[in-house]
């Protein structure tokens, strides 16, 4: 892809292999408001891959300040001004 702006905004990036690089691209990209870690950052059940957020998750409110985000989360719940990182809005 040429002439395309890549933006990674408000995501949860997790590596379980101990690596430190979370995004690799040969193109320039914007990387803001992404929460990165090496394990469970407050999911309902990380081991079983239930990646809904708990009330104590580090992702709660982590992406406040980004613009042009989806109006609804993965479950169809509306997002609000206290924008959570990732696909689930608590």
C-alpha atoms as a PDB file:
ATOM      1  CA  UNK A   1       0.000   0.000   0.000  1.00  0.00           C
ATOM      2  CA  UNK A   2       1.450   3.310  -0.973  1.00  0.00           C
ATOM      3  CA  UNK A   3       0.253   6.724   0.055  1.00  0.00           C
ATOM      4  CA  UNK A   4      -1.808   5.336   2.938  1.00  0.00           C
ATOM      5  CA  UNK A   5      -1.718   6.833   6.432  1.00  0.00           C
ATOM      6  CA  UNK A   6      -1.702   4.131   9.101  1.00  0.00           C
ATOM      7  CA  UNK A   7      -3.124   4.947  12.519  1.00  0.00           C
ATOM      8  CA  UNK A   8      -3.149   2.615  15.512  1.00  0.00           C
ATOM      9  CA  UNK A   9      -5.242   4.445  18.116  1.00  0.00           C
ATOM     10  CA  UNK A  10      -6.874   3.212  21.318  1.00  0.00           C
ATOM     11  CA  UNK A  11      -5.907  -0.434  21.054  1.00  0.00           C
ATOM     12  CA  UNK A  12      -4.767  -3.031  23.555  1.00  0.00           C
ATOM     13  CA  UNK A  13      -1.547  -4.672  22.423  1.00  0.00           C
ATOM     14  CA  UNK A  14      -0.411  -7.802  24.250  1.00  0.00           C
ATOM     15  CA  UNK A  15       2.616  -9.998  23.607  1.00  0.00           C
ATOM     16  CA  UNK A  16       2.865 -13.256  25.469  1.00  0.00           C
ATOM     17  CA  UNK A  17       6.255 -14.267  24.071  1.00  0.00           C
ATOM     18  CA  UNK A  18       8.233 -11.699  26.076  1.00  0.00           C
ATOM     19  CA  UNK A  19       9.036  -9.543  23.027  1.00  0.00           C
ATOM     20  CA  UNK A  20       9.092  -5.774  23.280  1.00  0.00           C
ATOM     21  CA  UNK A  21       7.983  -4.711  19.785  1.00  0.00           C
ATOM     22  CA  UNK A  22       4.229  -4.373  19.478  1.00  0.00           C
ATOM     23  CA  UNK A  23       3.779  -2.811  16.040  1.00  0.00           C
ATOM     24  CA  UNK A  24       6.034  -3.296  13.033  1.00  0.00           C
ATOM     25  CA  UNK A  25       5.521  -1.498   9.777  1.00  0.00           C
ATOM     26  CA  UNK A  26       7.834  -0.405   7.012  1.00  0.00           C
ATOM     27  CA  UNK A  27       5.595   2.643   6.615  1.00  0.00           C
ATOM     28  CA  UNK A  28       5.340   5.613   8.930  1.00  0.00           C
ATOM     29  CA  UNK A  29       2.363   5.335  11.286  1.00  0.00           C
ATOM     30  CA  UNK A  30       0.663   7.079  14.185  1.00  0.00           C
ATOM     31  CA  UNK A  31       0.688   5.147  17.468  1.00  0.00           C
ATOM     32  CA  UNK A  32      -1.272   6.961  20.201  1.00  0.00           C
ATOM     33  CA  UNK A  33      -3.322   5.932  23.216  1.00  0.00           C
ATOM     34  CA  UNK A  34      -2.452   2.252  22.874  1.00  0.00           C
ATOM     35  CA  UNK A  35      -2.135   0.210  26.052  1.00  0.00           C
ATOM     36  CA  UNK A  36       0.627  -2.372  25.796  1.00  0.00           C
ATOM     37  CA  UNK A  37       1.548  -5.195  28.131  1.00  0.00           C
ATOM     38  CA  UNK A  38       2.754  -8.754  28.461  1.00  0.00           C
ATOM     39  CA  UNK A  39      -0.343 -10.319  29.993  1.00  0.00           C
ATOM     40  CA  UNK A  40      -3.693  -9.677  31.624  1.00  0.00           C
ATOM     41  CA  UNK A  41      -4.440  -5.967  32.004  1.00  0.00           C
ATOM     42  CA  UNK A  42      -7.846  -6.542  33.585  1.00  0.00           C
ATOM     43  CA  UNK A  43      -9.870  -8.793  31.319  1.00  0.00           C
ATOM     44  CA  UNK A  44     -12.780 -10.911  32.547  1.00  0.00           C
ATOM     45  CA  UNK A  45     -10.856 -14.116  31.764  1.00  0.00           C
ATOM     46  CA  UNK A  46      -7.600 -13.605  29.886  1.00  0.00           C
ATOM     47  CA  UNK A  47      -6.694 -17.325  29.833  1.00  0.00           C
ATOM     48  CA  UNK A  48      -9.988 -18.246  28.133  1.00  0.00           C
ATOM     49  CA  UNK A  49      -9.799 -15.142  25.913  1.00  0.00           C
ATOM     50  CA  UNK A  50     -12.873 -13.416  27.341  1.00  0.00           C
ATOM     51  CA  UNK A  51     -11.400  -9.996  26.618  1.00  0.00           C
ATOM     52  CA  UNK A  52     -14.244  -7.936  28.052  1.00  0.00           C
ATOM     53  CA  UNK A  53     -12.926  -5.414  30.568  1.00  0.00           C
ATOM     54  CA  UNK A  54     -13.346  -5.635  34.321  1.00  0.00           C
ATOM     55  CA  UNK A  55     -14.092  -2.518  36.351  1.00  0.00           C
ATOM     56  CA  UNK A  56     -10.449  -2.576  37.551  1.00  0.00           C
ATOM     57  CA  UNK A  57      -8.897  -2.825  34.073  1.00  0.00           C
ATOM     58  CA  UNK A  58      -6.010  -0.522  33.157  1.00  0.00           C
ATOM     59  CA  UNK A  59      -7.832   0.044  29.847  1.00  0.00           C
ATOM     60  CA  UNK A  60     -10.702   1.972  31.469  1.00  0.00           C
ATOM     61  CA  UNK A  61     -10.441   5.581  30.296  1.00  0.00           C
ATOM     62  CA  UNK A  62      -7.024   4.916  28.752  1.00  0.00           C
ATOM     63  CA  UNK A  63      -7.952   6.235  25.291  1.00  0.00           C
ATOM     64  CA  UNK A  64      -9.583   9.498  26.412  1.00  0.00           C
ATOM     65  CA  UNK A  65      -8.585  12.176  23.947  1.00  0.00           C
ATOM     66  CA  UNK A  66      -8.616  10.297  20.660  1.00  0.00           C
ATOM     67  CA  UNK A  67     -11.000  11.402  17.981  1.00  0.00           C
ATOM     68  CA  UNK A  68     -12.789   9.555  15.210  1.00  0.00           C
ATOM     69  CA  UNK A  69     -13.377   6.304  17.095  1.00  0.00           C
ATOM     70  CA  UNK A  70     -16.236   3.826  16.523  1.00  0.00           C
ATOM     71  CA  UNK A  71     -19.495   4.888  18.180  1.00  0.00           C
ATOM     72  CA  UNK A  72     -20.155   1.366  19.474  1.00  0.00           C
ATOM     73  CA  UNK A  73     -17.937  -1.355  20.904  1.00  0.00           C
ATOM     74  CA  UNK A  74     -17.736  -5.016  19.885  1.00  0.00           C
ATOM     75  CA  UNK A  75     -21.010  -5.780  21.732  1.00  0.00           C
ATOM     76  CA  UNK A  76     -22.864  -2.800  20.276  1.00  0.00           C
ATOM     77  CA  UNK A  77     -22.580  -0.790  23.517  1.00  0.00           C
ATOM     78  CA  UNK A  78     -22.198   2.933  22.871  1.00  0.00           C
ATOM     79  CA  UNK A  79     -18.875   4.523  23.718  1.00  0.00           C
ATOM     80  CA  UNK A  80     -18.746   7.725  25.737  1.00  0.00           C
ATOM     81  CA  UNK A  81     -16.254  10.462  26.653  1.00  0.00           C
ATOM     82  CA  UNK A  82     -14.471   8.101  29.081  1.00  0.00           C
ATOM     83  CA  UNK A  83     -13.110   6.091  26.193  1.00  0.00           C
ATOM     84  CA  UNK A  84     -11.631   2.698  27.025  1.00  0.00           C
ATOM     85  CA  UNK A  85      -8.785   1.157  25.037  1.00  0.00           C
ATOM     86  CA  UNK A  86      -9.626  -1.953  23.056  1.00  0.00           C
ATOM     87  CA  UNK A  87     -12.765  -3.366  21.495  1.00  0.00           C
ATOM     88  CA  UNK A  88     -14.873  -3.375  24.703  1.00  0.00           C
ATOM     89  CA  UNK A  89     -16.295  -0.252  26.350  1.00  0.00           C
ATOM     90  CA  UNK A  90     -16.910  -1.020  30.015  1.00  0.00           C
END
